[in-house]
Each structure stands twice: as structure tokens, then as C-alpha cells.
Amino acid sequence: MTEIEVRGLGRRFGAADALTDVSFSLSGNKIYGLLGRNGAGKTTLLSILAGFERQTSGTVTVDGEPVFENAAATAKVCLVRGTGDATVLRTSVRDLLQFAKLLRPDMDLDFAKQLLERFEVPVRKTTRQLSHGKRCALGVALGLASRAPVTIFDESYLGMDAPSRYEFYDVLLAEVLEHPRAVIISTHLIEEVGSLFEEVLILDRGRVLLHEEADTLRAAGAAVTGDAALVDSFTLGLEVLGEKTLGRTKSATVYGPLDERRLAQARQVGLDLGPVALQDLFVHLTSGSTR
């Protein structure tokens, strides 16, 4: 079971602070969601976690070992960024697989080849000849097949088309069940991928805004659905994060706990109550007024 400890982490670029006093612990083989608006510091944090760059202050350890310039620690972390760092190489996809195997002895080459076939990535082409979407698929395949104890996807699948992305989610779930590891997913597609998250970490302006179990966050409010007039009456006086209307049916997302009286009221008038959507909660927590 992998242990990640980040304590008092700071990263400064010139006069600007990208990260300030970031502290958290990730323990266990789970799928973690890293969320934040543009410029929140997500990519900087993940680059430091993978040992790609040095922090200005604080500590980052994987299983008790500092990461930066420590081969034993960085060997446990696989970071797939954007379209994948492999795209800078002028080599065929087939040769790249062999190179990746030299860097990561635990990599399952047969599994990687299966994924490339599944995502229809031509192995005879060079990485430069691949389309943007296929380069993303290549990065995803290398990350999944790496079998690294800490596998990180920094928006590395966004260029894939929708069917390929959903296929990636299915493969990821099956892979984590069969070969448990800590997976960190940084994404803006919260509504699409949020159901995978077991824990959620939200960065805002370089600081940790929230770190919580995903189920706890989903229980922090409710999605109220039913007749529009009944929904409006029920949500009167509550903090409403968002609303959707289709004909006479309305769905409103409310934030905050609902007491027994409110719950009984909803059941009595026939309203459906569901968990709050992570995306609605994220938008609310990182909005200017909430800050």
C-alpha cells in the first residue's frame, strides 16, 4: 500500500507563488481526483510529486522517501502529462514500448500492446506522425501498463474522443481492481469522470481548499427532482447551486445538510433526492463569491 506525504509544500516562480503551504496525505490504493481551476497549481504539484521539478519549500515523500533526485522513489511514480512526453521522440511507437520497458521493469508490454490495439494506435508510425488523439491514447496506454504504484494522469486523455475516453475509464477500473495502485487523475471533465473518484483534493490559487472522501462530498447536499412548483417550494431558503428544467420537471442542486423535517417533506410531496454532483459542488466552492 502506497503512502504519499506532502508537508508545507511551496513552489515559487520569480515573484509568483504557484503553491503555498500545501499539505495532505494519500494513503492506500485508491483513485484520487485532483481538481482546480486553470492556474490553481495542479500541474506544478504533480510535477513535483513525480520528481520532475524541485519544490521551493516543504517536503514530498513516497513511502517515506523524498522524491526529487531519488531514483528509488521516482521509480514508483509514473506521470503522464498532456499528450505524453514521448511525443518529443522521433521513434516508432513499437520502439518506444521497448524503451519504456527499460525505464520501468514492471511494465507489462503485452498489456500495453493490447491497449494500443484497442485504441487503434498504429505501432509502425513515429510518435510525431500520430494525431493528437492517438498521442493521448499512447500516453494513457503507457501509464496503465506501467504498473507503477503511483500512476498519475494529468489531463492526459482529454484529446481522446468520447468513446475512447469511456473505454479508458472502463480499463482503468478493471486495472486498479486487478493490480491495485494509487491513481491520481487531474481533470476538468468532472461530470464525466467524477464517479471514479474515491477521494477528492481541490486546489484553489495554490492552496488546498478541500480534501475529502468523495462520498462525503456527494452527501454534502442533494439533487432535488420533481414537479417544478414543488421543487421551488422545497428549495425556498436553501442554498441552490444550480437548476435544470425540462417541461414541468425541474432538478435543483442544493448545498448543505437536510434535516429530518425537510427529508420527510420531500417524501410526502413525491420529490426525488439524489447525491449532489461533484461538478456543481466544485463550481460553488471555487467561485469568486465563495472564496
Protein backbone atom coordinates (compact mmCIF):
# COMPACT_ATOMS: atom_id res chain seq x y z
CA MET A 1 0.00 0.00 0.00
CA THR A 2 1.49 3.30 -1.12
CA GLU A 3 1.84 6.28 1.23
CA ILE A 4 2.21 9.81 -0.16
CA GLU A 5 3.02 12.64 2.25
CA VAL A 6 3.11 16.30 1.27
CA ARG A 7 4.00 18.77 4.02
CA GLY A 8 4.27 22.57 3.79
CA LEU A 9 4.91 22.38 0.04
CA GLY A 10 5.67 25.63 -1.72
CA ARG A 11 6.77 26.47 -5.25
CA ARG A 12 7.74 29.95 -6.36
CA PHE A 13 8.40 31.13 -9.89
CA GLY A 14 10.10 34.50 -9.65
CA ALA A 15 7.78 36.69 -7.60
CA ALA A 16 4.75 34.45 -8.08
CA ASP A 17 3.74 31.58 -5.79
CA ALA A 18 2.33 28.60 -7.69
CA LEU A 19 1.89 26.57 -4.49
CA THR A 20 1.70 27.81 -0.89
CA ASP A 21 1.86 25.64 2.24
CA VAL A 22 0.25 22.61 0.59
CA SER A 23 -0.14 19.65 2.96
CA PHE A 24 -2.03 16.39 2.54
CA SER A 25 -1.67 12.61 2.82
CA LEU A 26 -2.79 9.99 0.32
CA SER A 27 -2.89 6.52 1.80
CA GLY A 28 -3.93 3.35 0.05
CA ASN A 29 -4.68 2.04 -3.39
CA LYS A 30 -7.47 4.37 -4.47
CA ILE A 31 -8.47 6.59 -7.36
CA TYR A 32 -7.96 10.20 -6.33
CA GLY A 33 -9.41 13.20 -8.13
CA LEU A 34 -7.30 16.36 -8.25
CA LEU A 35 -9.50 19.33 -9.14
CA GLY A 36 -8.82 23.02 -9.58
CA ARG A 37 -9.45 25.90 -11.93
CA ASN A 38 -6.87 26.95 -14.51
CA GLY A 39 -3.75 28.20 -12.75
CA ALA A 40 -4.64 26.56 -9.44
CA GLY A 41 -1.28 24.73 -9.32
CA LYS A 42 -2.35 21.19 -10.24
CA THR A 43 0.32 20.53 -12.88
CA THR A 44 3.05 22.06 -10.70
CA LEU A 45 2.03 19.86 -7.79
CA LEU A 46 2.04 16.69 -9.91
CA SER A 47 5.39 17.54 -11.49
CA ILE A 48 6.93 17.88 -8.03
CA LEU A 49 5.24 14.69 -6.87
CA ALA A 50 6.80 12.82 -9.80
CA GLY A 51 10.24 14.34 -9.19
CA PHE A 52 10.20 16.32 -12.46
CA GLU A 53 10.96 19.56 -10.64
CA ARG A 54 12.12 20.69 -7.22
CA GLN A 55 9.91 22.41 -4.68
CA THR A 56 10.92 25.76 -3.17
CA SER A 57 9.93 24.69 0.34
CA GLY A 58 8.37 21.77 2.18
CA THR A 59 8.69 18.02 1.67
CA VAL A 60 7.24 15.36 -0.62
CA THR A 61 7.74 11.67 0.17
CA VAL A 62 6.55 8.39 -1.34
CA ASP A 63 6.65 5.53 1.16
CA GLY A 64 8.84 7.70 3.39
CA GLU A 65 11.42 8.50 0.72
CA PRO A 66 11.97 12.05 -0.64
CA VAL A 67 11.14 12.15 -4.34
CA PHE A 68 13.41 14.68 -6.01
CA GLU A 69 16.69 13.18 -7.33
CA ASN A 70 15.86 9.85 -5.68
CA ALA A 71 15.66 7.05 -8.24
CA ALA A 72 14.14 4.60 -5.77
CA ALA A 73 11.20 6.94 -5.13
CA THR A 74 10.67 8.24 -8.67
CA ALA A 75 10.61 4.65 -9.99
CA LYS A 76 7.36 4.24 -8.06
CA VAL A 77 5.69 7.19 -9.80
CA CYS A 78 4.51 7.36 -13.42
CA LEU A 79 3.23 10.76 -14.57
CA VAL A 80 1.51 11.02 -17.94
CA ARG A 81 1.21 14.68 -18.96
CA GLY A 82 -0.90 16.12 -21.74
CA THR A 83 -0.20 14.27 -24.96
CA GLY A 84 2.65 12.42 -23.28
CA ASP A 85 6.35 13.29 -23.06
CA ALA A 86 7.04 10.52 -25.56
CA THR A 87 5.85 12.73 -28.42
CA VAL A 88 9.16 14.61 -28.45
CA LEU A 89 10.97 11.44 -29.51
CA ARG A 90 11.50 10.68 -33.19
CA THR A 91 10.93 6.96 -32.87
CA SER A 92 8.27 4.44 -33.76
CA VAL A 93 5.62 3.52 -31.25
CA ARG A 94 6.93 -0.06 -31.28
CA ASP A 95 10.47 1.05 -30.36
CA LEU A 96 9.07 3.39 -27.73
CA LEU A 97 7.47 0.46 -25.97
CA GLN A 98 10.84 -1.27 -25.69
CA PHE A 99 12.41 1.94 -24.38
CA ALA A 100 9.63 2.28 -21.78
CA LYS A 101 10.25 -1.29 -20.65
CA LEU A 102 13.92 -0.44 -19.97
CA LEU A 103 12.85 2.50 -17.79
CA ARG A 104 10.08 0.61 -15.99
CA PRO A 105 10.88 -3.08 -15.44
CA ASP A 106 7.37 -3.72 -14.06
CA MET A 107 5.73 -2.56 -17.29
CA ASP A 108 3.50 -5.17 -18.92
CA LEU A 109 4.41 -4.94 -22.62
CA ASP A 110 1.71 -7.37 -23.71
CA PHE A 111 -0.92 -5.30 -21.91
CA ALA A 112 0.45 -2.12 -23.50
CA LYS A 113 0.18 -3.67 -26.96
CA GLN A 114 -3.39 -4.78 -26.23
CA LEU A 115 -4.30 -1.24 -25.23
CA LEU A 116 -2.71 0.27 -28.34
CA GLU A 117 -4.71 -2.15 -30.47
CA ARG A 118 -7.84 -1.33 -28.51
CA PHE A 119 -7.33 2.42 -29.00
CA GLU A 120 -6.29 1.86 -32.63
CA VAL A 121 -2.82 3.39 -32.27
CA PRO A 122 -0.61 2.32 -35.22
CA VAL A 123 2.64 0.94 -33.80
CA ARG A 124 4.62 1.37 -37.03
CA LYS A 125 4.22 5.16 -37.06
CA THR A 126 6.52 7.52 -35.20
CA THR A 127 5.07 9.49 -32.30
CA ARG A 128 5.35 12.67 -34.39
CA GLN A 129 3.13 11.13 -37.08
CA LEU A 130 0.29 10.36 -34.70
CA SER A 131 -2.75 12.59 -34.41
CA HIS A 132 -3.31 14.48 -31.15
CA GLY A 133 -5.91 11.98 -30.01
CA LYS A 134 -3.70 8.98 -30.77
CA ARG A 135 -0.77 10.56 -28.89
CA CYS A 136 -3.09 10.93 -25.90
CA ALA A 137 -4.09 7.28 -26.23
CA LEU A 138 -0.42 6.30 -26.39
CA GLY A 139 0.30 8.15 -23.15
CA VAL A 140 -2.68 6.56 -21.45
CA ALA A 141 -1.61 3.09 -22.58
CA LEU A 142 1.92 3.59 -21.25
CA GLY A 143 0.57 4.84 -17.93
CA LEU A 144 -1.84 1.97 -17.45
CA ALA A 145 0.71 -0.65 -18.48
CA SER A 146 3.46 0.84 -16.30
CA ARG A 147 2.02 -0.84 -13.18
CA ALA A 148 3.68 1.96 -11.19
CA PRO A 149 2.49 2.09 -7.53
CA VAL A 150 1.57 5.75 -8.14
CA THR A 151 0.11 6.38 -11.59
CA ILE A 152 -0.84 9.96 -12.47
CA PHE A 153 -2.87 11.21 -15.41
CA ASP A 154 -2.59 14.98 -15.76
CA GLU A 155 -5.42 15.68 -18.22
CA SER A 156 -3.62 13.23 -20.48
CA TYR A 157 -6.77 11.75 -22.02
CA LEU A 158 -8.64 14.96 -22.90
CA GLY A 159 -7.64 14.75 -26.58
CA MET A 160 -9.23 11.33 -26.98
CA ASP A 161 -12.71 11.16 -28.47
CA ALA A 162 -15.64 10.39 -26.16
CA PRO A 163 -15.88 6.63 -26.93
CA SER A 164 -12.14 6.22 -26.33
CA ARG A 165 -12.30 8.17 -23.07
CA TYR A 166 -15.10 5.99 -21.74
CA GLU A 167 -13.16 2.92 -22.79
CA PHE A 168 -10.19 4.30 -20.85
CA TYR A 169 -12.36 4.68 -17.73
CA ASP A 170 -13.52 1.07 -18.03
CA VAL A 171 -9.98 -0.23 -18.47
CA LEU A 172 -8.74 1.90 -15.58
CA LEU A 173 -11.33 0.48 -13.17
CA ALA A 174 -10.57 -3.09 -14.21
CA GLU A 175 -6.81 -2.48 -13.98
CA VAL A 176 -6.99 -0.99 -10.47
CA LEU A 177 -9.08 -3.92 -9.27
CA GLU A 178 -6.68 -6.49 -10.74
CA HIS A 179 -3.45 -4.60 -9.96
CA PRO A 180 -4.16 -2.24 -7.03
CA ARG A 181 -2.27 1.05 -7.02
CA ALA A 182 -2.76 4.73 -6.21
CA VAL A 183 -4.13 6.59 -9.24
CA ILE A 184 -4.33 10.39 -9.35
CA ILE A 185 -6.47 11.98 -12.06
CA SER A 186 -6.28 15.70 -12.72
CA THR A 187 -9.24 16.77 -14.83
CA HIS A 188 -11.71 19.44 -15.85
CA LEU A 189 -14.20 16.78 -17.02
CA ILE A 190 -15.60 16.38 -13.52
CA GLU A 191 -19.10 15.39 -14.57
CA GLU A 192 -17.71 12.70 -16.87
CA VAL A 193 -15.08 11.12 -14.65
CA GLY A 194 -16.19 12.08 -11.13
CA SER A 195 -17.90 8.75 -10.44
CA LEU A 196 -14.46 7.08 -10.43
CA PHE A 197 -13.10 9.16 -7.54
CA GLU A 198 -12.81 7.71 -4.06
CA GLU A 199 -11.17 10.83 -2.62
CA VAL A 200 -11.15 14.39 -3.94
CA LEU A 201 -8.48 17.05 -3.46
CA ILE A 202 -9.34 20.59 -4.59
CA LEU A 203 -6.63 23.18 -5.15
CA ASP A 204 -7.51 26.86 -5.33
CA ARG A 205 -4.92 29.57 -6.01
CA GLY A 206 -2.08 27.28 -4.99
CA ARG A 207 -3.60 26.16 -1.70
CA VAL A 208 -5.56 23.11 -0.58
CA LEU A 209 -9.19 24.17 -0.46
CA LEU A 210 -10.62 20.76 0.38
CA HIS A 211 -9.57 17.13 0.81
CA GLU A 212 -12.39 14.72 1.46
CA GLU A 213 -13.87 11.32 0.69
CA ALA A 214 -15.92 11.58 -2.49
CA ASP A 215 -18.99 10.00 -0.89
CA THR A 216 -18.86 12.54 1.93
CA LEU A 217 -18.81 15.37 -0.60
CA ARG A 218 -21.74 13.89 -2.50
CA ALA A 219 -23.69 13.80 0.76
CA ALA A 220 -22.96 17.49 1.41
CA GLY A 221 -26.12 18.43 -0.45
CA ALA A 222 -28.81 16.93 -2.62
CA ALA A 223 -30.20 16.94 -6.13
CA VAL A 224 -33.94 17.58 -5.80
CA THR A 225 -36.08 16.45 -8.75
CA GLY A 226 -39.80 16.63 -9.39
CA ASP A 227 -42.61 18.99 -10.36
CA ALA A 228 -41.12 22.46 -10.88
CA ALA A 229 -43.53 24.20 -8.48
CA LEU A 230 -42.87 21.62 -5.75
CA VAL A 231 -39.09 21.89 -6.23
CA ASP A 232 -39.25 25.69 -5.98
CA SER A 233 -41.29 25.45 -2.78
CA PHE A 234 -38.97 22.86 -1.25
CA THR A 235 -35.76 24.76 -2.03
CA LEU A 236 -37.05 28.11 -0.75
CA GLY A 237 -34.49 29.39 1.77
CA LEU A 238 -31.88 26.77 0.82
CA GLU A 239 -28.60 27.46 -0.97
CA VAL A 240 -29.20 26.42 -4.59
CA LEU A 241 -26.09 25.64 -6.65
CA GLY A 242 -27.81 25.05 -9.97
CA GLU A 243 -31.11 24.31 -11.67
CA LYS A 244 -32.27 22.44 -14.77
CA THR A 245 -35.80 22.42 -16.17
CA LEU A 246 -37.42 20.14 -18.74
CA GLY A 247 -41.07 20.90 -19.29
CA ARG A 248 -42.81 20.73 -15.90
CA THR A 249 -39.96 18.74 -14.34
CA LYS A 250 -37.16 20.53 -12.53
CA SER A 251 -33.94 19.47 -10.87
CA ALA A 252 -32.19 21.74 -8.36
CA THR A 253 -28.91 21.07 -6.59
CA VAL A 254 -28.89 22.36 -3.01
CA TYR A 255 -25.86 22.68 -0.74
CA GLY A 256 -25.96 21.95 2.97
CA PRO A 257 -27.41 19.20 5.20
CA LEU A 258 -31.13 18.46 5.10
CA ASP A 259 -32.78 17.77 8.45
CA GLU A 260 -35.42 15.08 9.04
CA ARG A 261 -38.24 17.57 8.61
CA ARG A 262 -37.00 18.51 5.15
CA LEU A 263 -36.48 14.89 4.17
CA ALA A 264 -39.97 13.96 5.33
CA GLN A 265 -41.38 16.93 3.40
CA ALA A 266 -39.69 15.74 0.21
CA ARG A 267 -41.04 12.20 0.59
CA GLN A 268 -44.53 13.48 1.36
CA VAL A 269 -44.83 15.50 -1.86
CA GLY A 270 -43.10 12.90 -4.04
CA LEU A 271 -39.77 14.62 -4.71
CA ASP A 272 -36.70 12.53 -5.56
CA LEU A 273 -33.49 13.26 -3.64
CA GLY A 274 -30.12 12.24 -5.05
CA PRO A 275 -26.47 12.97 -4.23
CA VAL A 276 -25.01 16.34 -5.16
CA ALA A 277 -22.96 16.37 -8.36
CA LEU A 278 -19.23 16.88 -7.74
CA GLN A 279 -19.03 19.36 -10.59
CA ASP A 280 -21.76 21.56 -9.09
CA LEU A 281 -20.03 21.46 -5.72
CA PHE A 282 -16.65 22.27 -7.27
CA VAL A 283 -18.04 25.27 -9.17
CA HIS A 284 -19.67 26.52 -5.98
CA LEU A 285 -16.58 26.11 -3.79
CA THR A 286 -14.21 27.78 -6.26
CA SER A 287 -16.47 30.63 -7.33
CA GLY A 288 -15.37 34.17 -6.57
CA SER A 289 -18.17 34.79 -4.06
CA THR A 290 -17.41 31.61 -2.10
CA ARG A 291 -13.70 32.46 -1.95
